[in-house]
Amino acid sequence: MRQGYWKHSKLLFIIINITLPVCANLNRRERRGQRHSCAESLKTVKTGISCPHNKITLEQRVNELKCAKLDQTCTEKTNFKYHCVLNEWGNRSVEVCAPETNIIGAVCAEFNKGGEFIQEHYRSGVICTSCPFLYTSTEAYKYKECYMNILLDDMQSTIRSIYFNDSVTTAAPTSNAQR
């Protein structure tokens, strides 16, 4: 009986050691195609910023962030570059230093926090008729269609806040006068 116990314990130990690391990383996408995760990219993420609208503003942001000078082990220093792309939900822009990659399929680019890399954006209803079938991720700023939903969402939020702030301020004096 004791011998059977040890045999089953060893088997259980082996199963746990194999499955535990796999289960621990279920939320994290290690790679997609030829892309590798880059944890160092997460340290550079800025959400909700306005993306560069031309080559001049792009160069300003590149010079400010200095991605190639940051300490990272993801890729060659010259391939760790500035990006301004969608977040994984397509509702905000993300400024991030990440390895440059090809975007394939005439779609917008996104930074996926779970995968820790730049990839094609397929989730939301963001349509990009101006996106070429193949482009490098650092060129995503050129395709304004990708950011139209963000602009519309921001405008709607601004209108809502103005409307609700105005209604609160105009309603307050009326209720005080009735007392």
N, C-alpha and C. Protein backbone atom coordinates (compact mmCIF):
# COMPACT_ATOMS: atom_id res chain seq x y z
N MET A 1 0.82 -1.19 0.00
CA MET A 1 0.00 0.00 0.00
C MET A 1 0.87 1.26 0.00
N ARG A 2 1.90 1.25 0.79
CA ARG A 2 2.79 2.40 0.86
C ARG A 2 3.48 2.66 -0.47
N GLN A 3 3.83 1.59 -1.19
CA GLN A 3 4.49 1.71 -2.47
C GLN A 3 3.55 2.36 -3.51
N GLY A 4 2.29 2.01 -3.51
CA GLY A 4 1.29 2.59 -4.40
C GLY A 4 1.08 4.07 -4.10
N TYR A 5 1.14 4.42 -2.83
CA TYR A 5 1.01 5.82 -2.41
C TYR A 5 2.11 6.67 -3.02
N TRP A 6 3.35 6.21 -2.95
CA TRP A 6 4.49 6.96 -3.49
C TRP A 6 4.40 7.08 -5.00
N LYS A 7 3.95 6.03 -5.66
CA LYS A 7 3.82 6.05 -7.12
C LYS A 7 2.79 7.11 -7.54
N HIS A 8 1.65 7.14 -6.84
CA HIS A 8 0.61 8.12 -7.15
C HIS A 8 1.05 9.52 -6.77
N SER A 9 1.79 9.67 -5.69
CA SER A 9 2.30 10.98 -5.27
C SER A 9 3.26 11.54 -6.31
N LYS A 10 4.14 10.68 -6.85
CA LYS A 10 5.09 11.13 -7.87
C LYS A 10 4.33 11.56 -9.13
N LEU A 11 3.34 10.78 -9.51
CA LEU A 11 2.55 11.11 -10.69
C LEU A 11 1.82 12.44 -10.49
N LEU A 12 1.22 12.62 -9.34
CA LEU A 12 0.54 13.87 -9.02
C LEU A 12 1.51 15.04 -9.03
N PHE A 13 2.68 14.86 -8.49
CA PHE A 13 3.72 15.89 -8.46
C PHE A 13 4.10 16.30 -9.89
N ILE A 14 4.26 15.33 -10.77
CA ILE A 14 4.62 15.61 -12.16
C ILE A 14 3.50 16.37 -12.86
N ILE A 15 2.26 15.94 -12.66
CA ILE A 15 1.12 16.61 -13.29
C ILE A 15 1.01 18.05 -12.82
N ILE A 16 1.16 18.30 -11.54
CA ILE A 16 1.08 19.66 -11.00
C ILE A 16 2.18 20.53 -11.57
N ASN A 17 3.39 20.00 -11.64
CA ASN A 17 4.52 20.79 -12.15
C ASN A 17 4.38 21.11 -13.64
N ILE A 18 3.66 20.29 -14.37
CA ILE A 18 3.45 20.57 -15.79
C ILE A 18 2.30 21.55 -15.99
N THR A 19 1.19 21.35 -15.28
CA THR A 19 -0.01 22.17 -15.51
C THR A 19 0.01 23.52 -14.81
N LEU A 20 0.64 23.63 -13.67
CA LEU A 20 0.63 24.88 -12.92
C LEU A 20 1.21 26.05 -13.71
N PRO A 21 2.38 25.93 -14.32
CA PRO A 21 2.89 27.06 -15.10
C PRO A 21 1.98 27.43 -16.28
N VAL A 22 1.36 26.46 -16.89
CA VAL A 22 0.46 26.72 -18.00
C VAL A 22 -0.75 27.51 -17.50
N CYS A 23 -1.34 27.09 -16.40
CA CYS A 23 -2.52 27.76 -15.85
C CYS A 23 -2.19 29.17 -15.37
N ALA A 24 -1.00 29.37 -14.84
CA ALA A 24 -0.60 30.68 -14.34
C ALA A 24 -0.51 31.70 -15.46
N ASN A 25 -0.26 31.27 -16.69
CA ASN A 25 -0.10 32.19 -17.82
C ASN A 25 -1.29 32.21 -18.76
N LEU A 26 -2.45 31.74 -18.34
CA LEU A 26 -3.61 31.70 -19.23
C LEU A 26 -4.05 33.10 -19.66
N ASN A 27 -3.90 34.09 -18.81
CA ASN A 27 -4.32 35.44 -19.12
C ASN A 27 -3.33 36.19 -19.99
N ARG A 28 -2.18 35.65 -20.19
CA ARG A 28 -1.12 36.33 -20.90
C ARG A 28 -0.83 35.64 -22.22
N ARG A 29 -0.87 36.38 -23.30
CA ARG A 29 -0.59 35.81 -24.61
C ARG A 29 0.90 35.97 -24.88
N GLU A 30 1.60 34.87 -24.97
CA GLU A 30 3.04 34.92 -25.16
C GLU A 30 3.43 35.34 -26.57
N ARG A 31 2.74 34.83 -27.58
CA ARG A 31 3.08 35.24 -28.92
C ARG A 31 1.93 35.01 -29.88
N ARG A 32 1.92 35.78 -30.90
CA ARG A 32 0.92 35.67 -31.95
C ARG A 32 1.68 35.78 -33.26
N GLY A 33 1.75 34.71 -34.00
CA GLY A 33 2.57 34.71 -35.21
C GLY A 33 4.03 34.82 -34.80
N GLN A 34 4.70 35.81 -35.33
CA GLN A 34 6.11 36.03 -35.00
C GLN A 34 6.29 37.06 -33.90
N ARG A 35 5.23 37.42 -33.20
CA ARG A 35 5.32 38.44 -32.16
C ARG A 35 5.62 37.82 -30.82
N HIS A 36 6.45 38.52 -30.06
CA HIS A 36 6.79 38.08 -28.72
C HIS A 36 6.33 39.13 -27.72
N SER A 37 5.95 38.68 -26.55
CA SER A 37 5.56 39.59 -25.48
C SER A 37 6.73 40.50 -25.12
N CYS A 38 6.38 41.69 -24.67
CA CYS A 38 7.40 42.64 -24.24
C CYS A 38 6.89 43.37 -23.00
N ALA A 39 7.21 42.82 -21.84
CA ALA A 39 6.75 43.39 -20.57
C ALA A 39 7.22 44.82 -20.39
N GLU A 40 8.38 45.15 -20.94
CA GLU A 40 8.91 46.51 -20.81
C GLU A 40 8.00 47.54 -21.49
N SER A 41 7.23 47.11 -22.48
CA SER A 41 6.30 48.02 -23.16
C SER A 41 5.24 48.53 -22.19
N LEU A 42 4.80 47.69 -21.28
CA LEU A 42 3.75 48.09 -20.33
C LEU A 42 4.16 49.29 -19.49
N LYS A 43 5.44 49.42 -19.22
CA LYS A 43 5.94 50.55 -18.40
C LYS A 43 5.83 51.87 -19.14
N THR A 44 5.68 51.83 -20.47
CA THR A 44 5.66 53.05 -21.26
C THR A 44 4.27 53.47 -21.71
N VAL A 45 3.24 52.70 -21.40
CA VAL A 45 1.88 52.95 -21.89
C VAL A 45 1.30 54.24 -21.32
N LYS A 46 0.77 55.07 -22.23
CA LYS A 46 0.01 56.27 -21.86
C LYS A 46 -1.30 56.18 -22.64
N THR A 47 -2.41 56.22 -21.94
CA THR A 47 -3.72 56.04 -22.57
C THR A 47 -4.45 57.37 -22.71
N GLY A 48 -5.22 57.49 -23.78
CA GLY A 48 -6.09 58.64 -23.95
C GLY A 48 -5.39 59.89 -24.46
N ILE A 49 -4.21 59.75 -25.00
CA ILE A 49 -3.49 60.91 -25.53
C ILE A 49 -3.91 61.12 -26.99
N SER A 50 -3.59 62.26 -27.52
CA SER A 50 -3.87 62.54 -28.92
C SER A 50 -2.69 62.07 -29.75
N CYS A 51 -2.97 61.25 -30.75
CA CYS A 51 -1.89 60.73 -31.60
C CYS A 51 -1.37 61.82 -32.53
N PRO A 52 -0.11 61.70 -32.92
CA PRO A 52 0.44 62.66 -33.88
C PRO A 52 -0.40 62.66 -35.16
N HIS A 53 -0.53 63.83 -35.77
CA HIS A 53 -1.35 63.93 -36.97
C HIS A 53 -0.52 64.13 -38.24
N ASN A 54 0.80 64.28 -38.06
CA ASN A 54 1.68 64.39 -39.23
C ASN A 54 3.10 63.98 -38.84
N LYS A 55 3.98 63.99 -39.80
CA LYS A 55 5.36 63.55 -39.58
C LYS A 55 6.10 64.44 -38.56
N ILE A 56 5.81 65.74 -38.55
CA ILE A 56 6.48 66.66 -37.63
C ILE A 56 6.11 66.34 -36.18
N THR A 57 4.80 66.21 -35.90
CA THR A 57 4.39 65.89 -34.53
C THR A 57 4.83 64.49 -34.13
N LEU A 58 4.88 63.59 -35.10
CA LEU A 58 5.39 62.25 -34.81
C LEU A 58 6.84 62.32 -34.35
N GLU A 59 7.66 63.04 -35.08
CA GLU A 59 9.08 63.17 -34.72
C GLU A 59 9.25 63.81 -33.34
N GLN A 60 8.40 64.77 -33.00
CA GLN A 60 8.46 65.39 -31.67
C GLN A 60 8.22 64.35 -30.58
N ARG A 61 7.19 63.51 -30.76
CA ARG A 61 6.86 62.48 -29.77
C ARG A 61 7.98 61.44 -29.69
N VAL A 62 8.53 61.05 -30.85
CA VAL A 62 9.63 60.08 -30.88
C VAL A 62 10.82 60.62 -30.09
N ASN A 63 11.13 61.89 -30.30
CA ASN A 63 12.26 62.51 -29.59
C ASN A 63 12.00 62.67 -28.10
N GLU A 64 10.76 62.91 -27.71
CA GLU A 64 10.42 63.04 -26.30
C GLU A 64 10.49 61.71 -25.56
N LEU A 65 9.98 60.65 -26.17
CA LEU A 65 9.94 59.36 -25.49
C LEU A 65 11.26 58.59 -25.55
N LYS A 66 12.02 58.77 -26.60
CA LYS A 66 13.33 58.12 -26.74
C LYS A 66 13.27 56.61 -26.47
N CYS A 67 12.36 55.94 -27.15
CA CYS A 67 12.15 54.50 -26.96
C CYS A 67 13.41 53.68 -27.15
N ALA A 68 14.20 54.02 -28.16
CA ALA A 68 15.41 53.25 -28.47
C ALA A 68 16.46 53.32 -27.35
N LYS A 69 16.33 54.31 -26.48
CA LYS A 69 17.31 54.46 -25.39
C LYS A 69 16.86 53.78 -24.09
N LEU A 70 15.64 53.28 -24.06
CA LEU A 70 15.12 52.63 -22.85
C LEU A 70 15.74 51.25 -22.67
N ASP A 71 15.92 50.86 -21.40
CA ASP A 71 16.42 49.52 -21.10
C ASP A 71 15.29 48.52 -21.30
N GLN A 72 15.54 47.55 -22.16
CA GLN A 72 14.56 46.49 -22.42
C GLN A 72 15.30 45.30 -23.02
N THR A 73 14.66 44.15 -22.91
CA THR A 73 15.27 42.91 -23.42
C THR A 73 14.40 42.25 -24.48
N CYS A 74 13.45 42.99 -25.03
CA CYS A 74 12.48 42.44 -25.99
C CYS A 74 13.05 42.29 -27.39
N THR A 75 13.84 43.24 -27.79
CA THR A 75 14.28 43.31 -29.18
C THR A 75 15.54 44.16 -29.26
N GLU A 76 16.07 44.31 -30.45
CA GLU A 76 17.21 45.21 -30.64
C GLU A 76 16.76 46.62 -30.29
N LYS A 77 17.66 47.43 -29.76
CA LYS A 77 17.31 48.80 -29.37
C LYS A 77 16.70 49.59 -30.51
N THR A 78 17.21 49.40 -31.72
CA THR A 78 16.70 50.16 -32.88
C THR A 78 15.30 49.72 -33.31
N ASN A 79 14.82 48.57 -32.85
CA ASN A 79 13.49 48.08 -33.19
C ASN A 79 12.45 48.39 -32.11
N PHE A 80 12.88 48.92 -30.97
CA PHE A 80 11.97 49.30 -29.88
C PHE A 80 11.55 50.74 -30.17
N LYS A 81 10.34 50.91 -30.73
CA LYS A 81 9.96 52.20 -31.29
C LYS A 81 8.67 52.77 -30.72
N TYR A 82 8.52 54.07 -30.94
CA TYR A 82 7.32 54.80 -30.55
C TYR A 82 6.14 54.37 -31.42
N HIS A 83 4.98 54.16 -30.78
CA HIS A 83 3.73 53.85 -31.47
C HIS A 83 2.61 54.68 -30.86
N CYS A 84 1.67 55.04 -31.67
CA CYS A 84 0.41 55.59 -31.19
C CYS A 84 -0.68 54.82 -31.92
N VAL A 85 -1.34 53.93 -31.19
CA VAL A 85 -2.29 52.99 -31.78
C VAL A 85 -3.53 52.91 -30.90
N LEU A 86 -4.49 52.10 -31.29
CA LEU A 86 -5.69 51.86 -30.49
C LEU A 86 -5.38 50.96 -29.31
N ASN A 87 -6.22 51.04 -28.27
CA ASN A 87 -6.14 50.02 -27.23
C ASN A 87 -6.88 48.78 -27.73
N GLU A 88 -6.89 47.72 -26.96
CA GLU A 88 -7.47 46.47 -27.45
C GLU A 88 -8.98 46.54 -27.66
N TRP A 89 -9.66 47.53 -27.09
CA TRP A 89 -11.11 47.68 -27.28
C TRP A 89 -11.45 48.67 -28.39
N GLY A 90 -10.45 49.40 -28.87
CA GLY A 90 -10.67 50.36 -29.94
C GLY A 90 -11.36 51.63 -29.51
N ASN A 91 -11.41 51.90 -28.19
CA ASN A 91 -12.10 53.10 -27.72
C ASN A 91 -11.17 54.18 -27.16
N ARG A 92 -9.89 53.95 -27.17
CA ARG A 92 -8.90 54.92 -26.70
C ARG A 92 -7.61 54.75 -27.49
N SER A 93 -6.86 55.83 -27.58
CA SER A 93 -5.54 55.73 -28.20
C SER A 93 -4.53 55.39 -27.11
N VAL A 94 -3.46 54.74 -27.53
CA VAL A 94 -2.40 54.33 -26.61
C VAL A 94 -1.06 54.74 -27.20
N GLU A 95 -0.29 55.43 -26.40
CA GLU A 95 1.07 55.77 -26.78
C GLU A 95 1.97 54.78 -26.06
N VAL A 96 2.86 54.11 -26.80
CA VAL A 96 3.64 53.04 -26.19
C VAL A 96 4.93 52.83 -26.96
N CYS A 97 5.96 52.42 -26.26
CA CYS A 97 7.19 51.96 -26.90
C CYS A 97 7.08 50.45 -27.01
N ALA A 98 7.27 49.93 -28.20
CA ALA A 98 7.11 48.49 -28.44
C ALA A 98 7.90 48.09 -29.68
N PRO A 99 8.19 46.80 -29.81
CA PRO A 99 8.86 46.35 -31.03
C PRO A 99 7.98 46.62 -32.25
N GLU A 100 8.59 47.13 -33.30
CA GLU A 100 7.88 47.38 -34.56
C GLU A 100 7.49 46.04 -35.18
N THR A 101 6.31 46.01 -35.79
CA THR A 101 5.83 44.78 -36.42
C THR A 101 5.01 45.13 -37.66
N ASN A 102 4.75 44.16 -38.49
CA ASN A 102 3.89 44.38 -39.65
C ASN A 102 2.43 44.21 -39.26
N ILE A 103 1.59 45.09 -39.79
CA ILE A 103 0.14 44.99 -39.61
C ILE A 103 -0.41 44.49 -40.94
N ILE A 104 -1.10 43.39 -40.90
CA ILE A 104 -1.56 42.72 -42.11
C ILE A 104 -3.08 42.64 -42.13
N GLY A 105 -3.68 42.98 -43.27
CA GLY A 105 -5.12 42.78 -43.44
C GLY A 105 -5.93 44.03 -43.60
N ALA A 106 -5.32 45.17 -43.93
CA ALA A 106 -6.06 46.43 -44.12
C ALA A 106 -6.92 46.77 -42.91
N VAL A 107 -6.31 46.65 -41.73
CA VAL A 107 -6.99 46.95 -40.47
C VAL A 107 -6.13 47.91 -39.64
N CYS A 108 -6.71 48.44 -38.58
CA CYS A 108 -5.99 49.33 -37.68
C CYS A 108 -5.04 48.51 -36.79
N ALA A 109 -4.10 49.20 -36.16
CA ALA A 109 -3.18 48.56 -35.22
C ALA A 109 -3.64 48.82 -33.79
N GLU A 110 -3.34 47.89 -32.90
CA GLU A 110 -3.66 48.05 -31.48
C GLU A 110 -2.50 47.58 -30.64
N PHE A 111 -2.45 48.08 -29.38
CA PHE A 111 -1.53 47.52 -28.40
C PHE A 111 -2.37 46.65 -27.48
N ASN A 112 -2.03 45.39 -27.40
CA ASN A 112 -2.75 44.46 -26.55
C ASN A 112 -1.98 44.31 -25.25
N LYS A 113 -2.56 44.81 -24.14
CA LYS A 113 -1.87 44.75 -22.84
C LYS A 113 -1.66 43.32 -22.37
N GLY A 114 -2.61 42.45 -22.61
CA GLY A 114 -2.48 41.05 -22.19
C GLY A 114 -1.36 40.35 -22.92
N GLY A 115 -1.25 40.61 -24.20
CA GLY A 115 -0.19 39.99 -24.99
C GLY A 115 1.11 40.76 -24.94
N GLU A 116 1.03 42.01 -24.51
CA GLU A 116 2.20 42.90 -24.39
C GLU A 116 2.87 43.14 -25.74
N PHE A 117 2.04 43.32 -26.81
CA PHE A 117 2.59 43.61 -28.12
C PHE A 117 1.58 44.33 -29.00
N ILE A 118 2.10 44.87 -30.10
CA ILE A 118 1.28 45.52 -31.13
C ILE A 118 0.75 44.43 -32.07
N GLN A 119 -0.52 44.57 -32.47
CA GLN A 119 -1.11 43.58 -33.37
C GLN A 119 -2.24 44.23 -34.16
N GLU A 120 -2.86 43.46 -35.03
CA GLU A 120 -4.01 43.91 -35.79
C GLU A 120 -5.22 44.05 -34.88
N HIS A 121 -6.04 45.07 -35.15
CA HIS A 121 -7.25 45.31 -34.34
C HIS A 121 -8.47 44.80 -35.10
N TYR A 122 -9.10 43.76 -34.56
CA TYR A 122 -10.28 43.18 -35.19
C TYR A 122 -11.54 43.29 -34.34
N ARG A 123 -11.42 43.67 -33.07
CA ARG A 123 -12.54 43.57 -32.12
C ARG A 123 -13.70 44.50 -32.36
N SER A 124 -13.46 45.79 -32.40
CA SER A 124 -14.58 46.73 -32.46
C SER A 124 -14.99 46.97 -33.90
N GLY A 125 -15.96 47.83 -34.07
CA GLY A 125 -16.45 48.14 -35.41
C GLY A 125 -15.60 49.16 -36.13
N VAL A 126 -14.34 49.29 -35.77
CA VAL A 126 -13.45 50.25 -36.43
C VAL A 126 -13.13 49.72 -37.83
N ILE A 127 -13.50 50.50 -38.82
CA ILE A 127 -13.25 50.11 -40.21
C ILE A 127 -12.20 51.06 -40.76
N CYS A 128 -11.27 50.53 -41.51
CA CYS A 128 -10.22 51.37 -42.09
C CYS A 128 -10.10 51.08 -43.58
N THR A 129 -10.75 51.93 -44.38
CA THR A 129 -10.65 51.76 -45.83
C THR A 129 -9.35 52.36 -46.38
N SER A 130 -8.70 53.23 -45.58
CA SER A 130 -7.44 53.83 -46.04
C SER A 130 -6.21 53.02 -45.63
N CYS A 131 -6.38 52.04 -44.76
CA CYS A 131 -5.25 51.21 -44.33
C CYS A 131 -4.82 50.29 -45.47
N PRO A 132 -3.53 50.27 -45.78
CA PRO A 132 -3.08 49.32 -46.80
C PRO A 132 -3.13 47.89 -46.25
N PHE A 133 -3.04 46.93 -47.13
CA PHE A 133 -3.07 45.53 -46.70
C PHE A 133 -1.89 45.22 -45.78
N LEU A 134 -0.74 45.83 -46.03
CA LEU A 134 0.47 45.61 -45.23
C LEU A 134 1.14 46.94 -44.94
N TYR A 135 1.39 47.22 -43.66
CA TYR A 135 2.14 48.41 -43.27
C TYR A 135 2.85 48.15 -41.95
N THR A 136 3.84 48.96 -41.63
CA THR A 136 4.53 48.78 -40.35
C THR A 136 3.76 49.49 -39.26
N SER A 137 3.80 48.93 -38.07
CA SER A 137 3.01 49.43 -36.94
C SER A 137 3.32 50.88 -36.58
N THR A 138 4.53 51.33 -36.85
CA THR A 138 4.89 52.72 -36.52
C THR A 138 4.22 53.72 -37.46
N GLU A 139 3.62 53.25 -38.54
CA GLU A 139 2.93 54.13 -39.49
C GLU A 139 1.43 54.24 -39.19
N ALA A 140 0.97 53.65 -38.11
CA ALA A 140 -0.47 53.63 -37.80
C ALA A 140 -1.07 55.02 -37.67
N TYR A 141 -0.28 56.00 -37.23
CA TYR A 141 -0.78 57.37 -37.06
C TYR A 141 -1.31 57.96 -38.37
N LYS A 142 -0.88 57.44 -39.50
CA LYS A 142 -1.28 57.97 -40.81
C LYS A 142 -2.75 57.70 -41.14
N TYR A 143 -3.35 56.70 -40.51
CA TYR A 143 -4.68 56.24 -40.90
C TYR A 143 -5.72 56.77 -39.91
N LYS A 144 -6.19 57.98 -40.20
CA LYS A 144 -7.08 58.73 -39.30
C LYS A 144 -8.39 58.01 -39.03
N GLU A 145 -8.85 57.20 -39.97
CA GLU A 145 -10.10 56.46 -39.78
C GLU A 145 -10.07 55.62 -38.50
N CYS A 146 -8.89 55.13 -38.16
CA CYS A 146 -8.76 54.27 -36.99
C CYS A 146 -9.13 54.99 -35.70
N TYR A 147 -8.99 56.31 -35.71
CA TYR A 147 -9.20 57.09 -34.49
C TYR A 147 -10.53 57.84 -34.48
N MET A 148 -11.35 57.65 -35.50
CA MET A 148 -12.63 58.36 -35.58
C MET A 148 -13.58 57.98 -34.45
N ASN A 149 -13.63 56.72 -34.08
CA ASN A 149 -14.51 56.31 -32.98
C ASN A 149 -14.10 56.97 -31.67
N ILE A 150 -12.80 57.15 -31.48
CA ILE A 150 -12.30 57.81 -30.28
C ILE A 150 -12.76 59.26 -30.27
N LEU A 151 -12.63 59.95 -31.39
CA LEU A 151 -13.05 61.34 -31.48
C LEU A 151 -14.54 61.48 -31.22
N LEU A 152 -15.34 60.60 -31.83
CA LEU A 152 -16.79 60.65 -31.62
C LEU A 152 -17.15 60.36 -30.17
N ASP A 153 -16.50 59.37 -29.57
CA ASP A 153 -16.74 59.02 -28.17
C ASP A 153 -16.39 60.18 -27.26
N ASP A 154 -15.24 60.83 -27.51
CA ASP A 154 -14.82 61.97 -26.71
C ASP A 154 -15.80 63.13 -26.86
N MET A 155 -16.28 63.37 -28.08
CA MET A 155 -17.24 64.45 -28.30
C MET A 155 -18.55 64.17 -27.56
N GLN A 156 -19.02 62.93 -27.62
CA GLN A 156 -20.24 62.56 -26.91
C GLN A 156 -20.08 62.72 -25.41
N SER A 157 -18.93 62.33 -24.88
CA SER A 157 -18.66 62.49 -23.44
C SER A 157 -18.65 63.95 -23.05
N THR A 158 -18.03 64.78 -23.88
CA THR A 158 -17.99 66.22 -23.60
C THR A 158 -19.39 66.80 -23.62
N ILE A 159 -20.18 66.43 -24.61
CA ILE A 159 -21.55 66.93 -24.70
C ILE A 159 -22.36 66.49 -23.49
N ARG A 160 -22.21 65.22 -23.09
CA ARG A 160 -22.93 64.72 -21.91
C ARG A 160 -22.53 65.50 -20.66
N SER A 161 -21.23 65.73 -20.48
CA SER A 161 -20.79 66.42 -19.26
C SER A 161 -21.27 67.87 -19.26
N ILE A 162 -21.28 68.53 -20.42
CA ILE A 162 -21.78 69.89 -20.49
C ILE A 162 -23.27 69.91 -20.20
N TYR A 163 -24.00 68.99 -20.79
CA TYR A 163 -25.44 68.94 -20.60
C TYR A 163 -25.78 68.69 -19.14
N PHE A 164 -25.16 67.68 -18.54
CA PHE A 164 -25.48 67.35 -17.15
C PHE A 164 -24.97 68.40 -16.18
N ASN A 165 -23.84 69.01 -16.43
CA ASN A 165 -23.36 70.10 -15.57
C ASN A 165 -24.27 71.30 -15.66
N ASP A 166 -24.72 71.64 -16.89
CA ASP A 166 -25.63 72.77 -17.06
C ASP A 166 -26.96 72.51 -16.39
N SER A 167 -27.48 71.28 -16.52
CA SER A 167 -28.79 70.99 -15.94
C SER A 167 -28.74 71.02 -14.42
N VAL A 168 -27.59 70.65 -13.85
CA VAL A 168 -27.46 70.69 -12.39
C VAL A 168 -27.40 72.13 -11.92
N THR A 169 -26.64 72.99 -12.62
CA THR A 169 -26.49 74.37 -12.17
C THR A 169 -27.77 75.16 -12.39
N THR A 170 -28.53 74.87 -13.46
CA THR A 170 -29.77 75.61 -13.67
C THR A 170 -30.88 75.10 -12.78
N ALA A 171 -30.82 73.83 -12.40
CA ALA A 171 -31.87 73.26 -11.56
C ALA A 171 -31.73 73.70 -10.10
N ALA A 172 -30.54 73.95 -9.65
CA ALA A 172 -30.31 74.27 -8.25
C ALA A 172 -30.99 75.57 -7.82
N PRO A 173 -30.86 76.69 -8.57
CA PRO A 173 -31.51 77.91 -8.13
C PRO A 173 -33.04 77.79 -8.13
N THR A 174 -33.59 77.04 -9.08
CA THR A 174 -35.04 76.88 -9.14
C THR A 174 -35.55 76.18 -7.89
N SER A 175 -34.84 75.11 -7.48
CA SER A 175 -35.30 74.37 -6.29
C SER A 175 -35.13 75.20 -5.03
N ASN A 176 -34.11 76.05 -4.97
CA ASN A 176 -33.93 76.93 -3.79
C ASN A 176 -35.01 77.99 -3.73
N ALA A 177 -35.43 78.48 -4.88
CA ALA A 177 -36.45 79.53 -4.92
C ALA A 177 -37.81 79.00 -4.47
N GLN A 178 -38.07 77.73 -4.66
CA GLN A 178 -39.35 77.15 -4.30
C GLN A 178 -39.46 76.93 -2.80
N ARG A 179 -38.38 76.94 -2.07
CA ARG A 179 -38.42 76.70 -0.62
C ARG A 179 -39.01 77.80 0.09
